[in-house]
Amino acid sequence: MSRPLDKSDLNEADAALVELADAAALGLDRQPKPVAELVADLDGLNGYAVPWNRLAGDSIEPSVMAAPEWLLALYEHKRKSARDGDVLLVKDTAGTGKLTGVVPFVQCPCRWGVPLPVIDSWLNDLFFFGVPLIGKSSPEATLDAVLRGAKDLLGAKAAMFRLVPRSGAFVQALRALAHENGLGIAEFEPIERAGLTCGTEYDAWFNDSFSRKRRKEFRRLRSRLGEQGRLESAARQAAEPLDVWINDFKQLEEAGWKGGNGTAVACLDDIACFLDQALSGFDACGRLLFWKLSLDGKTIATLFAVICGRKAWLIKIAYDEGYSRYSPGVLLMLDVTRDLLERGDIDEVDSSAVPDHPMINHLWRDRLAMTDIMVATPGTPAVVFRLMVKAEHCRRGARALAKAVYRRLLKKGSK
């Protein structure tokens, strides 16, 4: 029978190598792990501006809603108390001052009517993407710090992340961490929304996406609209004042149905101030895109988008409803698509739209699979997590039923 290898069996050189290997393994075990910190004030967040910007450019998946330009503006204009939202920062403890994670969230102490605390994505009027910033160097260690921080600092039994790409790097890292540590994980309400995969020439995309009849109809609409005056399509240049473009958007949106029901940006002071600051921040680093369609110098449709990494998100569009018979929003979207495909610095564009959107779904045929995902924090018993998952399914089912009943009553009342 063989016996375990002993250092006495080795010559001096081999024994030295074994000792070096043992020391290296011990050193790896003692590597400082990242830790999460709760930041509860704007000054505290601003203090991390430099490492935060570095992280935004070196994350496993870009995220417009965790970028400093977006989140600092949201914190300043939309956060009235801790109930509105907070931020978990994950820091490298090796003395480098490096940030490895930025996670915006809200606390839900009794999400299902029972004291089972959860942290959830920071939902707001302009929420459409819930991926946090997670550094490339050690994503699973960072996510482990996030979940441990949620548990130790906030008493959370689980963390919910809304509207995250199902096949994205963030979800893959989260699943790997859950599998490795035996943590419960569950998806809710997977959806698909319109997107644009770049890398194709516009003419090829246009011909492949639409029938000959539809292409002819688009040309007819543009020709008829051009008969009403001088029709021009333009992308904003860096030297042009940003406030003029933002004000054009606000005025167009307020003049339409959103202004009528009070949901236009111009009707909501906090949202208007937030958007002004966020867009100025993105513009300062060359990551804001703005387009417009004008008739005799008057803007009749406008749209803006933001770039993070090699991905872009459409944020908002507005058009003059007086020209709706010519579909100015659709014509502008075609011009925007041409511009996006010709840029060369973008791989994918997220429409940020709801599933089955009546306009963008018929223009952009690519689909982005999104989901809500909940993962247990360390120490949450499996039986408790299973109850949380069942409670979440029931909660969502009840909300869907309530919405359906409400729509039915509205429809009945309008007859």
Protein backbone atom coordinates (compact mmCIF):
# COMPACT_ATOMS: atom_id res chain seq x y z
CA MET A 1 0.00 0.00 0.00
CA SER A 2 1.37 3.45 -0.87
CA ARG A 3 1.84 6.04 1.85
CA PRO A 4 1.34 9.85 1.67
CA LEU A 5 4.23 11.79 0.18
CA ASP A 6 6.45 13.29 2.86
CA LYS A 7 8.97 16.09 2.42
CA SER A 8 11.71 13.64 3.55
CA ASP A 9 11.13 11.81 0.27
CA LEU A 10 12.11 14.89 -1.72
CA ASN A 11 15.46 16.37 -2.48
CA GLU A 12 16.24 19.86 -1.26
CA ALA A 13 15.11 21.62 -4.45
CA ASP A 14 11.79 19.75 -4.64
CA ALA A 15 11.11 20.43 -0.96
CA ALA A 16 11.66 24.14 -1.58
CA LEU A 17 9.15 24.08 -4.44
CA VAL A 18 6.56 22.37 -2.24
CA GLU A 19 7.06 24.99 0.46
CA LEU A 20 6.64 27.77 -2.11
CA ALA A 21 3.42 26.18 -3.38
CA ASP A 22 2.09 25.86 0.17
CA ALA A 23 2.92 29.49 0.88
CA ALA A 24 1.23 30.63 -2.35
CA ALA A 25 -1.93 28.68 -1.52
CA LEU A 26 -1.95 30.17 1.97
CA GLY A 27 -1.48 33.61 0.50
CA LEU A 28 -4.43 33.13 -1.85
CA ASP A 29 -6.59 32.07 1.07
CA ARG A 30 -5.61 35.24 2.89
CA GLN A 31 -6.23 37.59 -0.02
CA PRO A 32 -8.42 40.45 1.29
CA LYS A 33 -11.98 40.08 0.10
CA PRO A 34 -14.03 43.05 -1.12
CA VAL A 35 -16.54 44.47 1.34
CA ALA A 36 -19.81 46.32 0.88
CA GLU A 37 -20.51 49.72 2.36
CA LEU A 38 -23.86 51.50 2.58
CA VAL A 39 -23.67 55.10 1.32
CA ALA A 40 -26.55 57.20 2.56
CA ASP A 41 -25.72 60.73 1.39
CA LEU A 42 -24.85 62.53 -1.82
CA ASP A 43 -21.51 63.85 -0.55
CA GLY A 44 -20.47 60.28 0.24
CA LEU A 45 -21.25 59.19 -3.32
CA ASN A 46 -19.49 62.18 -4.87
CA GLY A 47 -16.38 61.23 -2.94
CA TYR A 48 -16.07 58.08 -5.05
CA ALA A 49 -16.45 59.84 -8.42
CA VAL A 50 -13.00 58.90 -9.78
CA PRO A 51 -13.00 55.15 -8.96
CA TRP A 52 -16.68 54.99 -9.91
CA ASN A 53 -15.94 56.31 -13.39
CA ARG A 54 -13.14 53.76 -13.74
CA LEU A 55 -15.50 50.97 -12.74
CA ALA A 56 -18.14 52.14 -15.25
CA GLY A 57 -15.56 51.60 -18.00
CA ASP A 58 -14.38 48.24 -16.66
CA SER A 59 -17.56 46.41 -15.64
CA ILE A 60 -18.61 42.94 -16.79
CA GLU A 61 -21.74 44.48 -18.29
CA PRO A 62 -22.36 48.18 -18.99
CA SER A 63 -25.26 49.80 -17.15
CA VAL A 64 -26.67 53.24 -17.83
CA MET A 65 -28.71 53.24 -14.59
CA ALA A 66 -25.70 52.57 -12.35
CA ALA A 67 -23.45 55.05 -14.17
CA PRO A 68 -22.42 58.04 -12.02
CA GLU A 69 -24.04 60.55 -14.39
CA TRP A 70 -27.44 58.87 -13.99
CA LEU A 71 -27.30 57.76 -10.38
CA LEU A 72 -25.93 60.98 -8.89
CA ALA A 73 -28.69 62.96 -10.60
CA LEU A 74 -31.29 60.46 -9.39
CA TYR A 75 -29.93 60.68 -5.84
CA GLU A 76 -30.05 64.47 -5.85
CA HIS A 77 -33.48 65.00 -7.36
CA LYS A 78 -35.52 61.86 -6.62
CA ARG A 79 -34.28 60.61 -3.25
CA LYS A 80 -36.25 62.28 -0.46
CA SER A 81 -35.49 59.63 2.17
CA ALA A 82 -33.84 56.22 2.59
CA ARG A 83 -37.15 54.65 1.55
CA ASP A 84 -36.68 56.09 -1.95
CA GLY A 85 -33.33 54.43 -2.59
CA ASP A 86 -29.78 53.81 -1.42
CA VAL A 87 -26.49 52.59 -2.85
CA LEU A 88 -24.22 49.73 -1.84
CA LEU A 89 -20.60 50.30 -2.83
CA VAL A 90 -18.21 47.36 -2.89
CA LYS A 91 -14.59 48.27 -2.20
CA ASP A 92 -11.30 46.47 -2.59
CA THR A 93 -9.79 46.13 0.90
CA ALA A 94 -6.21 45.75 -0.38
CA GLY A 95 -5.64 49.47 0.08
CA THR A 96 -5.99 50.38 -3.61
CA GLY A 97 -9.11 52.53 -3.17
CA LYS A 98 -10.64 50.63 -6.06
CA LEU A 99 -14.41 50.18 -6.40
CA THR A 100 -15.54 46.77 -7.64
CA GLY A 101 -19.30 47.22 -7.38
CA VAL A 102 -22.04 49.88 -7.37
CA VAL A 103 -25.55 48.61 -6.57
CA PRO A 104 -28.52 51.02 -6.40
CA PHE A 105 -31.42 49.53 -4.42
CA VAL A 106 -34.45 50.10 -2.22
CA GLN A 107 -35.22 48.31 1.03
CA CYS A 108 -38.41 46.25 1.21
CA PRO A 109 -38.83 45.18 4.88
CA CYS A 110 -42.24 43.55 4.37
CA ARG A 111 -42.60 42.90 0.64
CA TRP A 112 -45.17 40.14 1.13
CA GLY A 113 -46.79 41.45 4.29
CA VAL A 114 -44.44 39.47 6.51
CA PRO A 115 -41.06 40.48 7.99
CA LEU A 116 -38.82 38.94 5.33
CA PRO A 117 -36.63 41.88 4.23
CA VAL A 118 -35.46 42.09 0.62
CA ILE A 119 -33.40 44.61 -1.31
CA ASP A 120 -34.90 45.44 -4.69
CA SER A 121 -33.87 47.45 -7.75
CA TRP A 122 -34.35 51.18 -7.33
CA LEU A 123 -37.54 51.60 -9.36
CA ASN A 124 -38.42 55.11 -10.53
CA ASP A 125 -40.25 56.97 -13.28
CA LEU A 126 -37.51 56.27 -15.82
CA PHE A 127 -36.44 52.76 -14.76
CA PHE A 128 -35.77 50.29 -17.59
CA PHE A 129 -32.53 48.43 -16.73
CA GLY A 130 -31.47 46.88 -13.42
CA VAL A 131 -27.91 45.62 -13.90
CA PRO A 132 -25.51 47.02 -11.26
CA LEU A 133 -21.89 47.83 -12.00
CA ILE A 134 -19.69 44.81 -11.23
CA GLY A 135 -15.94 44.91 -11.92
CA LYS A 136 -14.30 42.46 -14.32
CA SER A 137 -11.44 41.48 -12.01
CA SER A 138 -13.43 39.37 -9.54
CA PRO A 139 -17.19 39.48 -10.29
CA GLU A 140 -18.20 36.55 -8.08
CA ALA A 141 -16.27 37.90 -5.10
CA THR A 142 -17.93 41.28 -5.61
CA LEU A 143 -21.40 39.75 -5.86
CA ASP A 144 -20.68 37.71 -2.73
CA ALA A 145 -19.82 40.98 -0.95
CA VAL A 146 -23.08 42.52 -2.22
CA LEU A 147 -25.18 39.67 -0.83
CA ARG A 148 -23.27 39.58 2.45
CA GLY A 149 -23.60 43.34 2.76
CA ALA A 150 -27.35 43.12 2.10
CA LYS A 151 -27.61 40.54 4.88
CA ASP A 152 -25.24 42.09 7.45
CA LEU A 153 -26.05 45.78 6.92
CA LEU A 154 -29.75 45.56 6.08
CA GLY A 155 -30.92 42.18 7.36
CA ALA A 156 -32.06 41.17 3.85
CA LYS A 157 -33.00 37.56 3.18
CA ALA A 158 -32.71 38.00 -0.59
CA ALA A 159 -31.83 40.47 -3.33
CA MET A 160 -34.04 41.20 -6.35
CA PHE A 161 -32.65 42.57 -9.62
CA ARG A 162 -35.23 43.81 -12.14
CA LEU A 163 -35.03 43.89 -15.92
CA VAL A 164 -31.62 42.29 -16.39
CA PRO A 165 -30.52 40.52 -19.61
CA ARG A 166 -31.11 36.78 -19.18
CA SER A 167 -27.92 35.80 -21.02
CA GLY A 168 -25.81 38.73 -19.86
CA ALA A 169 -22.56 38.53 -17.92
CA PHE A 170 -24.21 39.77 -14.72
CA VAL A 171 -26.83 36.99 -14.61
CA GLN A 172 -24.20 34.38 -15.53
CA ALA A 173 -21.95 35.51 -12.65
CA LEU A 174 -24.89 35.60 -10.25
CA ARG A 175 -25.94 32.07 -11.23
CA ALA A 176 -22.36 30.81 -10.86
CA LEU A 177 -22.12 32.31 -7.37
CA ALA A 178 -25.47 30.84 -6.34
CA HIS A 179 -24.50 27.40 -7.64
CA GLU A 180 -21.09 27.44 -5.96
CA ASN A 181 -22.50 28.51 -2.59
CA GLY A 182 -25.82 26.65 -2.64
CA LEU A 183 -27.89 29.85 -2.66
CA GLY A 184 -31.49 29.84 -3.85
CA ILE A 185 -32.11 31.68 -7.12
CA ALA A 186 -35.30 32.22 -9.13
CA GLU A 187 -36.52 34.11 -12.21
CA PHE A 188 -39.79 36.01 -12.60
CA GLU A 189 -41.68 37.29 -15.64
CA PRO A 190 -39.14 36.86 -18.44
CA ILE A 191 -39.90 39.22 -21.32
CA GLU A 192 -38.52 40.20 -24.70
CA ARG A 193 -38.21 43.75 -25.93
CA ALA A 194 -37.02 45.29 -29.16
CA GLY A 195 -33.33 45.85 -29.78
CA LEU A 196 -30.92 46.54 -32.61
CA THR A 197 -27.81 44.46 -33.29
CA CYS A 198 -25.25 46.57 -35.10
CA GLY A 199 -22.74 45.42 -37.68
CA THR A 200 -25.03 45.58 -40.73
CA GLU A 201 -25.20 48.31 -43.37
CA TYR A 202 -28.39 50.33 -43.23
CA ASP A 203 -29.61 49.49 -46.75
CA ALA A 204 -29.20 45.76 -46.08
CA TRP A 205 -31.00 46.10 -42.73
CA PHE A 206 -33.82 48.12 -44.33
CA ASN A 207 -34.36 45.61 -47.15
CA ASP A 208 -34.20 42.59 -44.83
CA SER A 209 -36.51 44.08 -42.19
CA PHE A 210 -39.42 45.23 -44.35
CA SER A 211 -41.44 44.01 -47.28
CA ARG A 212 -41.30 45.90 -50.55
CA LYS A 213 -44.77 47.29 -49.84
CA ARG A 214 -43.72 48.57 -46.42
CA ARG A 215 -40.55 50.18 -47.75
CA LYS A 216 -42.62 51.96 -50.39
CA GLU A 217 -45.01 53.19 -47.67
CA PHE A 218 -42.15 54.69 -45.64
CA ARG A 219 -40.90 56.55 -48.70
CA ARG A 220 -44.42 57.78 -49.45
CA LEU A 221 -44.86 59.12 -45.91
CA ARG A 222 -41.53 60.97 -46.07
CA SER A 223 -42.43 62.43 -49.47
CA ARG A 224 -45.87 63.60 -48.29
CA LEU A 225 -44.42 65.15 -45.16
CA GLY A 226 -41.80 66.90 -47.28
CA GLU A 227 -44.60 68.48 -49.29
CA GLN A 228 -45.64 70.40 -46.15
CA GLY A 229 -42.37 72.34 -46.00
CA ARG A 230 -38.60 71.98 -45.74
CA LEU A 231 -38.06 68.58 -44.10
CA GLU A 232 -34.72 68.01 -42.39
CA SER A 233 -33.29 65.25 -40.23
CA ALA A 234 -30.32 66.05 -37.99
CA ALA A 235 -28.15 64.66 -35.24
CA ARG A 236 -26.95 67.09 -32.58
CA GLN A 237 -23.36 68.24 -32.90
CA ALA A 238 -21.16 68.80 -29.84
CA ALA A 239 -21.02 72.56 -30.35
CA GLU A 240 -24.81 72.98 -30.29
CA PRO A 241 -26.34 74.11 -26.97
CA LEU A 242 -27.81 71.07 -25.21
CA ASP A 243 -30.53 73.01 -23.41
CA VAL A 244 -32.15 73.95 -26.74
CA TRP A 245 -32.51 70.28 -27.69
CA ILE A 246 -33.78 69.30 -24.24
CA ASN A 247 -36.33 72.12 -24.26
CA ASP A 248 -37.55 71.09 -27.73
CA PHE A 249 -38.13 67.59 -26.37
CA LYS A 250 -39.96 68.82 -23.27
CA GLN A 251 -42.23 71.13 -25.27
CA LEU A 252 -43.12 68.44 -27.81
CA GLU A 253 -43.88 65.87 -25.11
CA GLU A 254 -45.94 68.32 -23.04
CA ALA A 255 -48.00 69.29 -26.08
CA GLY A 256 -49.08 65.67 -26.57
CA TRP A 257 -51.15 63.17 -24.63
CA LYS A 258 -48.57 62.89 -21.83
CA GLY A 259 -48.95 66.58 -21.13
CA GLY A 260 -52.71 66.09 -21.06
CA ASN A 261 -52.54 63.49 -18.30
CA GLY A 262 -49.70 65.17 -16.40
CA THR A 263 -46.99 62.57 -17.03
CA ALA A 264 -44.78 64.59 -19.40
CA VAL A 265 -41.30 65.45 -18.12
CA ALA A 266 -42.14 69.17 -18.14
CA CYS A 267 -45.07 68.49 -15.77
CA LEU A 268 -42.83 66.85 -13.15
CA ASP A 269 -40.26 69.22 -11.69
CA ASP A 270 -38.11 66.55 -10.03
CA ILE A 271 -37.94 64.45 -13.20
CA ALA A 272 -37.17 67.53 -15.32
CA CYS A 273 -34.29 68.56 -13.02
CA PHE A 274 -33.01 64.99 -12.87
CA LEU A 275 -33.03 64.68 -16.66
CA ASP A 276 -31.29 68.03 -17.16
CA GLN A 277 -28.45 67.01 -14.83
CA ALA A 278 -28.11 63.43 -16.10
CA LEU A 279 -28.05 64.40 -19.77
CA SER A 280 -25.55 67.19 -19.12
CA GLY A 281 -23.31 64.66 -17.38
CA PHE A 282 -23.45 62.17 -20.25
CA ASP A 283 -22.94 64.97 -22.76
CA ALA A 284 -19.81 66.17 -20.95
CA CYS A 285 -18.12 62.82 -21.61
CA GLY A 286 -19.42 62.46 -25.18
CA ARG A 287 -21.95 59.71 -24.45
CA LEU A 288 -25.22 61.51 -25.25
CA LEU A 289 -26.89 61.18 -28.65
CA PHE A 290 -29.76 63.44 -29.79
CA TRP A 291 -31.69 63.50 -33.05
CA LYS A 292 -34.56 65.51 -34.48
CA LEU A 293 -36.85 65.79 -37.47
CA SER A 294 -37.81 69.36 -38.34
CA LEU A 295 -40.22 71.02 -40.75
CA ASP A 296 -39.37 74.58 -41.81
CA GLY A 297 -37.01 74.77 -38.84
CA LYS A 298 -39.61 73.61 -36.29
CA THR A 299 -38.90 70.34 -34.46
CA ILE A 300 -41.68 67.81 -35.05
CA ALA A 301 -39.98 64.72 -33.61
CA THR A 302 -36.99 64.22 -31.33
CA LEU A 303 -35.26 61.34 -29.58
CA PHE A 304 -32.22 60.92 -27.32
CA ALA A 305 -30.05 57.99 -26.29
CA VAL A 306 -27.10 57.29 -24.00
CA ILE A 307 -23.99 55.17 -24.64
CA CYS A 308 -22.23 53.10 -21.97
CA GLY A 309 -19.37 50.93 -23.17
CA ARG A 310 -20.34 49.54 -26.57
CA LYS A 311 -24.06 49.52 -25.82
CA ALA A 312 -26.66 52.26 -26.21
CA TRP A 313 -30.11 52.77 -24.72
CA LEU A 314 -32.92 54.81 -26.25
CA ILE A 315 -34.30 56.95 -23.44
CA LYS A 316 -37.24 59.02 -24.69
CA ILE A 317 -38.97 60.09 -27.89
CA ALA A 318 -41.56 62.80 -28.55
CA TYR A 319 -43.33 63.98 -31.69
CA ASP A 320 -45.85 66.58 -32.82
CA GLU A 321 -49.23 64.81 -32.81
CA GLY A 322 -50.49 67.31 -35.36
CA TYR A 323 -48.41 65.46 -37.96
CA SER A 324 -49.30 61.95 -36.79
CA ARG A 325 -50.78 61.03 -40.19
CA TYR A 326 -47.22 61.16 -41.55
CA SER A 327 -45.72 59.07 -38.71
CA PRO A 328 -42.88 61.50 -37.88
CA GLY A 329 -41.75 59.31 -34.98
CA VAL A 330 -41.34 56.32 -37.29
CA LEU A 331 -39.48 58.38 -39.91
CA LEU A 332 -37.14 59.71 -37.24
CA MET A 333 -36.53 56.18 -35.92
CA LEU A 334 -35.46 55.08 -39.39
CA ASP A 335 -32.98 57.97 -39.56
CA VAL A 336 -31.74 57.14 -36.05
CA THR A 337 -31.27 53.50 -37.05
CA ARG A 338 -29.15 54.55 -40.02
CA ASP A 339 -26.98 56.72 -37.77
CA LEU A 340 -26.56 53.98 -35.15
CA LEU A 341 -25.60 51.36 -37.73
CA GLU A 342 -23.06 53.69 -39.33
CA ARG A 343 -21.29 54.74 -36.10
CA GLY A 344 -19.04 51.71 -35.60
CA ASP A 345 -18.62 52.19 -31.83
CA ILE A 346 -21.86 50.44 -30.76
CA ASP A 347 -22.57 46.71 -30.81
CA GLU A 348 -26.14 46.69 -29.50
CA VAL A 349 -28.95 49.16 -28.85
CA ASP A 350 -31.68 48.56 -26.28
CA SER A 351 -35.01 50.17 -27.15
CA SER A 352 -35.83 50.37 -23.39
CA ALA A 353 -39.45 49.87 -24.48
CA VAL A 354 -42.17 47.72 -23.00
CA PRO A 355 -42.74 44.32 -24.64
CA ASP A 356 -44.97 44.45 -27.71
CA HIS A 357 -44.51 48.20 -28.11
CA PRO A 358 -46.77 49.21 -31.03
CA MET A 359 -44.13 51.26 -32.84
CA ILE A 360 -40.60 50.01 -32.15
CA ASN A 361 -41.51 46.30 -32.29
CA HIS A 362 -42.47 46.69 -35.93
CA LEU A 363 -39.23 48.48 -36.79
CA TRP A 364 -36.56 46.64 -34.82
CA ARG A 365 -36.92 42.88 -35.20
CA ASP A 366 -34.10 41.84 -32.83
CA ARG A 367 -35.28 40.84 -29.36
CA LEU A 368 -33.50 41.28 -26.04
CA ALA A 369 -34.47 38.68 -23.42
CA MET A 370 -34.90 40.31 -20.01
CA THR A 371 -35.95 38.97 -16.63
CA ASP A 372 -36.32 39.74 -12.94
CA ILE A 373 -34.09 37.55 -10.79
CA MET A 374 -34.02 36.98 -7.03
CA VAL A 375 -31.17 35.33 -5.13
CA ALA A 376 -30.98 34.36 -1.48
CA THR A 377 -28.41 36.00 0.78
CA PRO A 378 -25.97 33.71 2.65
CA GLY A 379 -27.63 31.96 5.57
CA THR A 380 -31.21 32.16 4.25
CA PRO A 381 -32.67 28.64 4.71
CA ALA A 382 -33.78 26.94 1.49
CA VAL A 383 -37.31 26.45 2.86
CA VAL A 384 -37.61 30.17 3.62
CA PHE A 385 -36.40 31.11 0.12
CA ARG A 386 -38.92 28.72 -1.47
CA LEU A 387 -41.70 30.43 0.50
CA MET A 388 -40.42 33.83 -0.70
CA VAL A 389 -40.50 32.64 -4.31
CA LYS A 390 -44.08 31.39 -3.95
CA ALA A 391 -45.10 34.65 -2.29
CA GLU A 392 -43.53 36.66 -5.13
CA HIS A 393 -45.37 34.62 -7.77
CA CYS A 394 -48.65 35.20 -5.89
CA ARG A 395 -47.92 38.92 -5.58
CA ARG A 396 -47.27 39.31 -9.27
CA GLY A 397 -50.30 37.22 -10.19
CA ALA A 398 -52.54 39.38 -8.00
CA ARG A 399 -51.16 42.57 -9.55
CA ALA A 400 -51.71 41.25 -13.08
CA LEU A 401 -55.30 40.34 -12.21
CA ALA A 402 -55.94 43.76 -10.66
CA LYS A 403 -54.58 45.50 -13.76
CA ALA A 404 -56.74 43.36 -16.05
CA VAL A 405 -59.88 44.16 -14.02
CA TYR A 406 -58.99 47.87 -14.02
CA ARG A 407 -58.54 47.93 -17.81
CA ARG A 408 -61.82 46.08 -18.29
CA LEU A 409 -63.64 48.62 -16.12
CA LEU A 410 -62.04 51.51 -17.98
CA LYS A 411 -63.06 50.04 -21.32
CA LYS A 412 -66.58 49.43 -20.07
CA GLY A 413 -66.85 52.97 -18.71
CA SER A 414 -65.73 54.52 -22.01
CA LYS A 415 -68.59 52.93 -23.95
